[in-house]
PDB file of N, CA and C in Angstrom:
ATOM      1  N   UNK A   1       0.841  -1.153  -0.021  1.00  0.00           N
ATOM      2  CA  UNK A   1      -0.006   0.016  -0.006  1.00  0.00           C
ATOM      3  C   UNK A   1       0.896   1.222   0.011  1.00  0.00           C
ATOM      4  N   UNK A   2       0.751   2.070  -0.979  1.00  0.00           N
ATOM      5  CA  UNK A   2       1.649   3.242  -1.020  1.00  0.00           C
ATOM      6  C   UNK A   2       1.045   4.444  -0.299  1.00  0.00           C
ATOM      7  N   UNK A   3       1.819   5.488  -0.167  1.00  0.00           N
ATOM      8  CA  UNK A   3       1.438   6.658   0.617  1.00  0.00           C
ATOM      9  C   UNK A   3       0.159   7.326   0.045  1.00  0.00           C
ATOM     10  N   UNK A   4       0.071   7.340  -1.255  1.00  0.00           N
ATOM     11  CA  UNK A   4      -1.104   7.976  -1.893  1.00  0.00           C
ATOM     12  C   UNK A   4      -2.374   7.179  -1.572  1.00  0.00           C
ATOM     13  N   UNK A   5      -2.274   5.887  -1.580  1.00  0.00           N
ATOM     14  CA  UNK A   5      -3.442   5.023  -1.284  1.00  0.00           C
ATOM     15  C   UNK A   5      -3.878   5.251   0.179  1.00  0.00           C
ATOM     16  N   UNK A   6      -2.864   5.265   1.056  1.00  0.00           N
ATOM     17  CA  UNK A   6      -3.170   5.473   2.486  1.00  0.00           C
ATOM     18  C   UNK A   6      -3.829   6.890   2.678  1.00  0.00           C
ATOM     19  N   UNK A   7      -3.270   7.899   2.060  1.00  0.00           N
ATOM     20  CA  UNK A   7      -3.856   9.244   2.212  1.00  0.00           C
ATOM     21  C   UNK A   7      -5.307   9.282   1.683  1.00  0.00           C
ATOM     22  N   UNK A   8      -5.544   8.612   0.562  1.00  0.00           N
ATOM     23  CA  UNK A   8      -6.904   8.570   0.004  1.00  0.00           C
ATOM     24  C   UNK A   8      -7.859   7.827   0.952  1.00  0.00           C
ATOM     25  N   UNK A   9      -7.427   6.729   1.527  1.00  0.00           N
ATOM     26  CA  UNK A   9      -8.271   5.966   2.446  1.00  0.00           C
ATOM     27  C   UNK A   9      -8.581   6.759   3.706  1.00  0.00           C
ATOM     28  N   UNK A  10      -7.539   7.460   4.235  1.00  0.00           N
ATOM     29  CA  UNK A  10      -7.780   8.285   5.398  1.00  0.00           C
ATOM     30  C   UNK A  10      -8.783   9.435   5.098  1.00  0.00           C
ATOM     31  N   UNK A  11      -8.638  10.066   3.980  1.00  0.00           N
ATOM     32  CA  UNK A  11      -9.569  11.166   3.631  1.00  0.00           C
ATOM     33  C   UNK A  11     -10.963  10.604   3.442  1.00  0.00           C
ATOM     34  N   UNK A  12     -11.103   9.417   2.891  1.00  0.00           N
ATOM     35  CA  UNK A  12     -12.437   8.795   2.726  1.00  0.00           C
ATOM     36  C   UNK A  12     -13.072   8.507   4.078  1.00  0.00           C
ATOM     37  N   UNK A  13     -12.297   7.910   4.975  1.00  0.00           N
ATOM     38  CA  UNK A  13     -12.787   7.633   6.302  1.00  0.00           C
ATOM     39  C   UNK A  13     -13.219   8.895   7.038  1.00  0.00           C
ATOM     40  N   UNK A  14     -12.383   9.920   6.938  1.00  0.00           N
ATOM     41  CA  UNK A  14     -12.688  11.218   7.621  1.00  0.00           C
ATOM     42  C   UNK A  14     -13.977  11.810   7.057  1.00  0.00           C
ATOM     43  N   UNK A  15     -14.136  11.776   5.701  1.00  0.00           N
ATOM     44  CA  UNK A  15     -15.316  12.314   5.073  1.00  0.00           C
ATOM     45  C   UNK A  15     -16.560  11.597   5.554  1.00  0.00           C
ATOM     46  N   UNK A  16     -16.470  10.293   5.703  1.00  0.00           N
ATOM     47  CA  UNK A  16     -17.625   9.455   6.109  1.00  0.00           C
ATOM     48  C   UNK A  16     -17.917   9.602   7.604  1.00  0.00           C
ATOM     49  N   UNK A  17     -16.938  10.005   8.381  1.00  0.00           N
ATOM     50  CA  UNK A  17     -17.149  10.100   9.847  1.00  0.00           C
ATOM     51  C   UNK A  17     -17.591  11.465  10.308  1.00  0.00           C
ATOM     52  N   UNK A  18     -17.407  12.457   9.415  1.00  0.00           N
ATOM     53  CA  UNK A  18     -17.746  13.835   9.830  1.00  0.00           C
ATOM     54  C   UNK A  18     -16.648  14.525  10.520  1.00  0.00           C
ATOM     55  N   UNK A  19     -15.485  13.863  10.753  1.00  0.00           N
ATOM     56  CA  UNK A  19     -14.351  14.490  11.436  1.00  0.00           C
ATOM     57  C   UNK A  19     -13.592  15.328  10.456  1.00  0.00           C
ATOM     58  N   UNK A  20     -12.909  16.338  10.942  1.00  0.00           N
ATOM     59  CA  UNK A  20     -12.106  17.156  10.064  1.00  0.00           C
ATOM     60  C   UNK A  20     -10.619  16.909  10.386  1.00  0.00           C
ATOM     61  N   UNK A  21      -9.758  17.134   9.351  1.00  0.00           N
ATOM     62  CA  UNK A  21      -8.388  16.823   9.459  1.00  0.00           C
ATOM     63  C   UNK A  21      -7.677  17.585  10.573  1.00  0.00           C
ATOM     64  N   UNK A  22      -8.051  18.819  10.806  1.00  0.00           N
ATOM     65  CA  UNK A  22      -7.425  19.611  11.897  1.00  0.00           C
ATOM     66  C   UNK A  22      -7.656  18.959  13.255  1.00  0.00           C
ATOM     67  N   UNK A  23      -8.883  18.574  13.541  1.00  0.00           N
ATOM     68  CA  UNK A  23      -9.190  17.899  14.804  1.00  0.00           C
ATOM     69  C   UNK A  23      -8.447  16.580  14.969  1.00  0.00           C
ATOM     70  N   UNK A  24      -8.425  15.801  13.906  1.00  0.00           N
ATOM     71  CA  UNK A  24      -7.689  14.542  13.944  1.00  0.00           C
ATOM     72  C   UNK A  24      -6.208  14.766  14.142  1.00  0.00           C
ATOM     73  N   UNK A  25      -5.642  15.790  13.485  1.00  0.00           N
ATOM     74  CA  UNK A  25      -4.231  16.090  13.636  1.00  0.00           C
ATOM     75  C   UNK A  25      -3.939  16.527  15.041  1.00  0.00           C
ATOM     76  N   UNK A  26      -4.792  17.346  15.643  1.00  0.00           N
ATOM     77  CA  UNK A  26      -4.608  17.767  17.019  1.00  0.00           C
ATOM     78  C   UNK A  26      -4.635  16.584  17.965  1.00  0.00           C
ATOM     79  N   UNK A  27      -5.580  15.682  17.774  1.00  0.00           N
ATOM     80  CA  UNK A  27      -5.743  14.479  18.601  1.00  0.00           C
ATOM     81  C   UNK A  27      -4.525  13.603  18.440  1.00  0.00           C
ATOM     82  N   UNK A  28      -4.053  13.441  17.215  1.00  0.00           N
ATOM     83  CA  UNK A  28      -2.954  12.524  16.952  1.00  0.00           C
ATOM     84  C   UNK A  28      -1.681  12.908  17.764  1.00  0.00           C
ATOM     85  N   UNK A  29      -1.533  14.193  17.986  1.00  0.00           N
ATOM     86  CA  UNK A  29      -0.350  14.627  18.770  1.00  0.00           C
ATOM     87  C   UNK A  29      -0.420  14.230  20.232  1.00  0.00           C
ATOM     88  N   UNK A  30      -1.592  13.752  20.685  1.00  0.00           N
ATOM     89  CA  UNK A  30      -1.789  13.386  22.099  1.00  0.00           C
ATOM     90  C   UNK A  30      -1.894  11.885  22.304  1.00  0.00           C
ATOM     91  N   UNK A  31      -1.661  11.105  21.204  1.00  0.00           N
ATOM     92  CA  UNK A  31      -1.864   9.672  21.269  1.00  0.00           C
ATOM     93  C   UNK A  31      -0.553   8.855  21.375  1.00  0.00           C
ATOM     94  N   UNK A  32      -0.688   7.744  22.032  1.00  0.00           N
ATOM     95  CA  UNK A  32       0.352   6.685  22.037  1.00  0.00           C
ATOM     96  C   UNK A  32      -0.193   5.504  21.262  1.00  0.00           C
ATOM     97  N   UNK A  33       0.627   4.751  20.590  1.00  0.00           N
ATOM     98  CA  UNK A  33       0.165   3.562  19.908  1.00  0.00           C
ATOM     99  C   UNK A  33       1.242   2.496  19.859  1.00  0.00           C
ATOM    100  N   UNK A  34       0.808   1.263  19.758  1.00  0.00           N
ATOM    101  CA  UNK A  34       1.677   0.109  19.625  1.00  0.00           C
ATOM    102  C   UNK A  34       1.014  -0.790  18.590  1.00  0.00           C
ATOM    103  N   UNK A  35       1.862  -1.451  17.745  1.00  0.00           N
ATOM    104  CA  UNK A  35       1.332  -2.373  16.766  1.00  0.00           C
ATOM    105  C   UNK A  35       2.108  -3.657  16.871  1.00  0.00           C
ATOM    106  N   UNK A  36       1.394  -4.800  16.848  1.00  0.00           N
ATOM    107  CA  UNK A  36       2.050  -6.074  16.869  1.00  0.00           C
ATOM    108  C   UNK A  36       1.042  -7.194  17.111  1.00  0.00           C
ATOM    109  N   UNK A  37       1.575  -8.359  17.536  1.00  0.00           N
ATOM    110  CA  UNK A  37       0.780  -9.542  17.833  1.00  0.00           C
ATOM    111  C   UNK A  37       1.089 -10.022  19.232  1.00  0.00           C
ATOM    112  N   UNK A  38       0.122 -10.491  19.947  1.00  0.00           N
ATOM    113  CA  UNK A  38       0.334 -11.089  21.281  1.00  0.00           C
ATOM    114  C   UNK A  38       1.101 -12.424  21.072  1.00  0.00           C
ATOM    115  N   UNK A  39       0.686 -13.228  20.086  1.00  0.00           N
ATOM    116  CA  UNK A  39       1.388 -14.447  19.724  1.00  0.00           C
ATOM    117  C   UNK A  39       1.306 -14.601  18.225  1.00  0.00           C
ATOM    118  N   UNK A  40       2.021 -15.599  17.703  1.00  0.00           N
ATOM    119  CA  UNK A  40       2.046 -15.783  16.227  1.00  0.00           C
ATOM    120  C   UNK A  40       0.674 -16.075  15.661  1.00  0.00           C
ATOM    121  N   UNK A  41      -0.231 -16.660  16.454  1.00  0.00           N
ATOM    122  CA  UNK A  41      -1.536 -17.038  15.995  1.00  0.00           C
ATOM    123  C   UNK A  41      -2.610 -15.914  16.146  1.00  0.00           C
ATOM    124  N   UNK A  42      -2.245 -14.879  16.855  1.00  0.00           N
ATOM    125  CA  UNK A  42      -3.208 -13.776  17.094  1.00  0.00           C
ATOM    126  C   UNK A  42      -3.171 -12.778  15.966  1.00  0.00           C
ATOM    127  N   UNK A  43      -4.290 -12.022  15.816  1.00  0.00           N
ATOM    128  CA  UNK A  43      -4.332 -11.001  14.765  1.00  0.00           C
ATOM    129  C   UNK A  43      -3.357  -9.852  15.048  1.00  0.00           C
ATOM    130  N   UNK A  44      -3.008  -9.136  14.012  1.00  0.00           N
ATOM    131  CA  UNK A  44      -2.223  -7.905  14.203  1.00  0.00           C
ATOM    132  C   UNK A  44      -3.151  -6.905  14.923  1.00  0.00           C
ATOM    133  N   UNK A  45      -2.593  -6.353  15.999  1.00  0.00           N
ATOM    134  CA  UNK A  45      -3.367  -5.487  16.868  1.00  0.00           C
ATOM    135  C   UNK A  45      -2.716  -4.091  16.915  1.00  0.00           C
ATOM    136  N   UNK A  46      -3.558  -3.103  16.876  1.00  0.00           N
ATOM    137  CA  UNK A  46      -3.094  -1.706  17.086  1.00  0.00           C
ATOM    138  C   UNK A  46      -3.748  -1.262  18.391  1.00  0.00           C
ATOM    139  N   UNK A  47      -2.898  -0.901  19.344  1.00  0.00           N
ATOM    140  CA  UNK A  47      -3.361  -0.352  20.600  1.00  0.00           C
ATOM    141  C   UNK A  47      -3.159   1.151  20.553  1.00  0.00           C
ATOM    142  N   UNK A  48      -4.221   1.904  20.849  1.00  0.00           N
ATOM    143  CA  UNK A  48      -4.156   3.365  20.804  1.00  0.00           C
ATOM    144  C   UNK A  48      -4.736   3.912  22.066  1.00  0.00           C
ATOM    145  N   UNK A  49      -4.176   4.974  22.589  1.00  0.00           N
ATOM    146  CA  UNK A  49      -4.676   5.606  23.784  1.00  0.00           C
ATOM    147  C   UNK A  49      -4.057   6.985  23.953  1.00  0.00           C
ATOM    148  N   UNK A  50      -4.653   7.747  24.831  1.00  0.00           N
ATOM    149  CA  UNK A  50      -4.123   9.083  25.117  1.00  0.00           C
ATOM    150  C   UNK A  50      -2.798   8.934  25.884  1.00  0.00           C
ATOM    151  N   UNK A  51      -1.920   9.927  25.785  1.00  0.00           N
ATOM    152  CA  UNK A  51      -0.651   9.899  26.498  1.00  0.00           C
ATOM    153  C   UNK A  51      -0.865   9.729  28.000  1.00  0.00           C
ATOM    154  N   UNK A  52      -1.944  10.264  28.500  1.00  0.00           N
ATOM    155  CA  UNK A  52      -2.251  10.194  29.914  1.00  0.00           C
ATOM    156  C   UNK A  52      -2.494   8.731  30.359  1.00  0.00           C
ATOM    157  N   UNK A  53      -2.679   7.828  29.405  1.00  0.00           N
ATOM    158  CA  UNK A  53      -2.946   6.391  29.728  1.00  0.00           C
ATOM    159  C   UNK A  53      -1.699   5.577  29.523  1.00  0.00           C
ATOM    160  N   UNK A  54      -0.485   6.160  29.465  1.00  0.00           N
ATOM    161  CA  UNK A  54       0.741   5.456  29.174  1.00  0.00           C
ATOM    162  C   UNK A  54       0.973   4.286  30.124  1.00  0.00           C
ATOM    163  N   UNK A  55       0.690   4.482  31.407  1.00  0.00           N
ATOM    164  CA  UNK A  55       0.937   3.381  32.383  1.00  0.00           C
ATOM    165  C   UNK A  55       0.099   2.181  32.062  1.00  0.00           C
ATOM    166  N   UNK A  56      -1.083   2.366  31.519  1.00  0.00           N
ATOM    167  CA  UNK A  56      -1.972   1.219  31.200  1.00  0.00           C
ATOM    168  C   UNK A  56      -1.402   0.337  30.096  1.00  0.00           C
ATOM    169  N   UNK A  57      -0.605   0.927  29.160  1.00  0.00           N
ATOM    170  CA  UNK A  57      -0.022   0.118  28.114  1.00  0.00           C
ATOM    171  C   UNK A  57       0.907  -0.933  28.688  1.00  0.00           C
ATOM    172  N   UNK A  58       1.575  -0.632  29.814  1.00  0.00           N
ATOM    173  CA  UNK A  58       2.524  -1.569  30.427  1.00  0.00           C
ATOM    174  C   UNK A  58       1.817  -2.678  31.162  1.00  0.00           C
ATOM    175  N   UNK A  59       0.560  -2.535  31.475  1.00  0.00           N
ATOM    176  CA  UNK A  59      -0.187  -3.525  32.164  1.00  0.00           C
ATOM    177  C   UNK A  59      -0.751  -4.622  31.195  1.00  0.00           C
ATOM    178  N   UNK A  60      -0.755  -4.313  29.932  1.00  0.00           N
ATOM    179  CA  UNK A  60      -1.324  -5.215  28.938  1.00  0.00           C
ATOM    180  C   UNK A  60      -0.233  -6.197  28.460  1.00  0.00           C
ATOM    181  N   UNK A  61      -0.636  -7.353  27.922  1.00  0.00           N
ATOM    182  CA  UNK A  61       0.349  -8.289  27.373  1.00  0.00           C
ATOM    183  C   UNK A  61       1.188  -7.605  26.270  1.00  0.00           C
ATOM    184  N   UNK A  62       2.467  -7.879  26.303  1.00  0.00           N
ATOM    185  CA  UNK A  62       3.416  -7.266  25.336  1.00  0.00           C
ATOM    186  C   UNK A  62       3.061  -7.723  23.923  1.00  0.00           C
ATOM    187  N   UNK A  63       3.111  -6.806  22.968  1.00  0.00           N
ATOM    188  CA  UNK A  63       2.897  -7.090  21.566  1.00  0.00           C
ATOM    189  C   UNK A  63       4.242  -7.390  20.901  1.00  0.00           C
ATOM    190  N   UNK A  64       4.271  -8.555  20.195  1.00  0.00           N
ATOM    191  CA  UNK A  64       5.478  -8.862  19.380  1.00  0.00           C
ATOM    192  C   UNK A  64       5.431  -8.102  18.086  1.00  0.00           C
ATOM    193  N   UNK A  65       6.545  -7.881  17.505  1.00  0.00           N
ATOM    194  CA  UNK A  65       6.627  -7.125  16.263  1.00  0.00           C
ATOM    195  C   UNK A  65       5.826  -7.810  15.162  1.00  0.00           C
ATOM    196  N   UNK A  66       5.233  -7.000  14.311  1.00  0.00           N
ATOM    197  CA  UNK A  66       4.592  -7.485  13.074  1.00  0.00           C
ATOM    198  C   UNK A  66       5.252  -6.775  11.921  1.00  0.00           C
ATOM    199  N   UNK A  67       5.536  -7.499  10.867  1.00  0.00           N
ATOM    200  CA  UNK A  67       6.230  -6.921   9.695  1.00  0.00           C
ATOM    201  C   UNK A  67       5.312  -5.981   8.948  1.00  0.00           C
ATOM    202  N   UNK A  68       5.909  -5.086   8.151  1.00  0.00           N
ATOM    203  CA  UNK A  68       5.079  -4.166   7.332  1.00  0.00           C
ATOM    204  C   UNK A  68       4.132  -4.961   6.425  1.00  0.00           C
ATOM    205  N   UNK A  69       4.627  -6.051   5.859  1.00  0.00           N
ATOM    206  CA  UNK A  69       3.743  -6.840   4.938  1.00  0.00           C
ATOM    207  C   UNK A  69       2.574  -7.467   5.689  1.00  0.00           C
ATOM    208  N   UNK A  70       2.809  -7.890   6.959  1.00  0.00           N
ATOM    209  CA  UNK A  70       1.687  -8.464   7.736  1.00  0.00           C
ATOM    210  C   UNK A  70       0.655  -7.402   8.045  1.00  0.00           C
ATOM    211  N   UNK A  71       1.123  -6.220   8.395  1.00  0.00           N
ATOM    212  CA  UNK A  71       0.220  -5.107   8.697  1.00  0.00           C
ATOM    213  C   UNK A  71      -0.591  -4.721   7.493  1.00  0.00           C
ATOM    214  N   UNK A  72       0.107  -4.604   6.319  1.00  0.00           N
ATOM    215  CA  UNK A  72      -0.541  -4.233   5.120  1.00  0.00           C
ATOM    216  C   UNK A  72      -1.596  -5.268   4.709  1.00  0.00           C
ATOM    217  N   UNK A  73      -1.271  -6.522   4.835  1.00  0.00           N
ATOM    218  CA  UNK A  73      -2.230  -7.571   4.492  1.00  0.00           C
ATOM    219  C   UNK A  73      -3.476  -7.499   5.340  1.00  0.00           C
ATOM    220  N   UNK A  74      -3.284  -7.275   6.655  1.00  0.00           N
ATOM    221  CA  UNK A  74      -4.400  -7.176   7.570  1.00  0.00           C
ATOM    222  C   UNK A  74      -5.296  -5.983   7.248  1.00  0.00           C
ATOM    223  N   UNK A  75      -4.643  -4.841   6.903  1.00  0.00           N
ATOM    224  CA  UNK A  75      -5.434  -3.660   6.530  1.00  0.00           C
ATOM    225  C   UNK A  75      -6.257  -3.958   5.267  1.00  0.00           C
ATOM    226  N   UNK A  76      -5.608  -4.561   4.280  1.00  0.00           N
ATOM    227  CA  UNK A  76      -6.345  -4.851   3.033  1.00  0.00           C
ATOM    228  C   UNK A  76      -7.454  -5.897   3.206  1.00  0.00           C
ATOM    229  N   UNK A  77      -7.217  -6.857   4.114  1.00  0.00           N
ATOM    230  CA  UNK A  77      -8.221  -7.873   4.361  1.00  0.00           C
ATOM    231  C   UNK A  77      -9.277  -7.466   5.389  1.00  0.00           C
ATOM    232  N   UNK A  78      -9.043  -6.310   6.049  1.00  0.00           N
ATOM    233  CA  UNK A  78     -10.017  -5.807   7.054  1.00  0.00           C
ATOM    234  C   UNK A  78      -9.937  -6.608   8.331  1.00  0.00           C
ATOM    235  N   UNK A  79      -8.813  -7.247   8.642  1.00  0.00           N
ATOM    236  CA  UNK A  79      -8.693  -8.091   9.852  1.00  0.00           C
ATOM    237  C   UNK A  79      -7.846  -7.427  10.932  1.00  0.00           C
ATOM    238  N   UNK A  80      -7.459  -6.214  10.737  1.00  0.00           N
ATOM    239  CA  UNK A  80      -6.616  -5.501  11.705  1.00  0.00           C
ATOM    240  C   UNK A  80      -7.483  -5.286  12.977  1.00  0.00           C
ATOM    241  N   UNK A  81      -6.977  -5.636  14.133  1.00  0.00           N
ATOM    242  CA  UNK A  81      -7.720  -5.498  15.435  1.00  0.00           C
ATOM    243  C   UNK A  81      -7.255  -4.205  16.056  1.00  0.00           C
ATOM    244  N   UNK A  82      -8.172  -3.323  16.479  1.00  0.00           N
ATOM    245  CA  UNK A  82      -7.858  -2.065  17.101  1.00  0.00           C
ATOM    246  C   UNK A  82      -8.407  -2.070  18.525  1.00  0.00           C
ATOM    247  N   UNK A  83      -7.544  -1.726  19.508  1.00  0.00           N
ATOM    248  CA  UNK A  83      -7.961  -1.622  20.893  1.00  0.00           C
ATOM    249  C   UNK A  83      -7.698  -0.218  21.389  1.00  0.00           C
ATOM    250  N   UNK A  84      -8.674   0.356  22.099  1.00  0.00           N
ATOM    251  CA  UNK A  84      -8.464   1.649  22.751  1.00  0.00           C
ATOM    252  C   UNK A  84      -7.988   1.339  24.150  1.00  0.00           C
ATOM    253  N   UNK A  85      -6.932   2.048  24.624  1.00  0.00           N
ATOM    254  CA  UNK A  85      -6.391   1.818  25.956  1.00  0.00           C
ATOM    255  C   UNK A  85      -6.737   3.057  26.782  1.00  0.00           C
ATOM    256  N   UNK A  86      -7.390   2.830  27.926  1.00  0.00           N
ATOM    257  CA  UNK A  86      -7.723   3.927  28.830  1.00  0.00           C
ATOM    258  C   UNK A  86      -9.008   4.602  28.516  1.00  0.00           C
ATOM    259  N   UNK A  87      -9.157   5.806  29.143  1.00  0.00           N
ATOM    260  CA  UNK A  87     -10.409   6.559  28.940  1.00  0.00           C
ATOM    261  C   UNK A  87     -10.403   7.219  27.579  1.00  0.00           C
ATOM    262  N   UNK A  88     -11.576   7.329  27.037  1.00  0.00           N
ATOM    263  CA  UNK A  88     -11.714   7.946  25.729  1.00  0.00           C
ATOM    264  C   UNK A  88     -11.870   9.459  25.867  1.00  0.00           C
ATOM    265  N   UNK A  89     -11.369  10.191  24.904  1.00  0.00           N
ATOM    266  CA  UNK A  89     -11.532  11.679  24.989  1.00  0.00           C
ATOM    267  C   UNK A  89     -12.967  12.052  24.880  1.00  0.00           C
ATOM    268  N   UNK A  90     -13.345  13.117  25.540  1.00  0.00           N
ATOM    269  CA  UNK A  90     -14.731  13.602  25.476  1.00  0.00           C
ATOM    270  C   UNK A  90     -14.971  14.182  24.109  1.00  0.00           C
ATOM    271  N   UNK A  91     -16.189  13.988  23.605  1.00  0.00           N
ATOM    272  CA  UNK A  91     -16.539  14.565  22.330  1.00  0.00           C
ATOM    273  C   UNK A  91     -16.714  16.067  22.484  1.00  0.00           C
ATOM    274  N   UNK A  92     -16.335  16.782  21.467  1.00  0.00           N
ATOM    275  CA  UNK A  92     -16.461  18.207  21.503  1.00  0.00           C
ATOM    276  C   UNK A  92     -17.814  18.563  20.934  1.00  0.00           C
ATOM    277  N   UNK A  93     -18.581  19.322  21.685  1.00  0.00           N
ATOM    278  CA  UNK A  93     -19.930  19.707  21.231  1.00  0.00           C
ATOM    279  C   UNK A  93     -19.830  20.704  20.106  1.00  0.00           C
ATOM    280  N   UNK A  94     -20.637  20.505  19.080  1.00  0.00           N
ATOM    281  CA  UNK A  94     -20.655  21.435  17.980  1.00  0.00           C
ATOM    282  C   UNK A  94     -21.481  22.643  18.297  1.00  0.00           C
ATOM    283  N   UNK A  95     -21.105  23.826  17.853  1.00  0.00           N
ATOM    284  CA  UNK A  95     -21.872  25.058  18.147  1.00  0.00           C
ATOM    285  C   UNK A  95     -23.245  25.020  17.480  1.00  0.00           C
TER     286      UNK A  95
END
């Protein structure tokens, strides 16, 4: 998957979700993430959480590395597992 394809997919998801790129960019600066597998038989997992939840990442089972090709295959197949770690950010009320 090349950078152009990734950018197009992100823009499509944002358009469908109603989120704007500025809000997502601001939020991204406050996030921690880890990508890998708990074991060889488990799905590729992305753990995401706010920086304030950093200690919680250490309480979870360690993720083993996943190769770029494994991650790309899971994204294309739709089998990538995403976990949110810690409390979720509050939604911003629209004016």
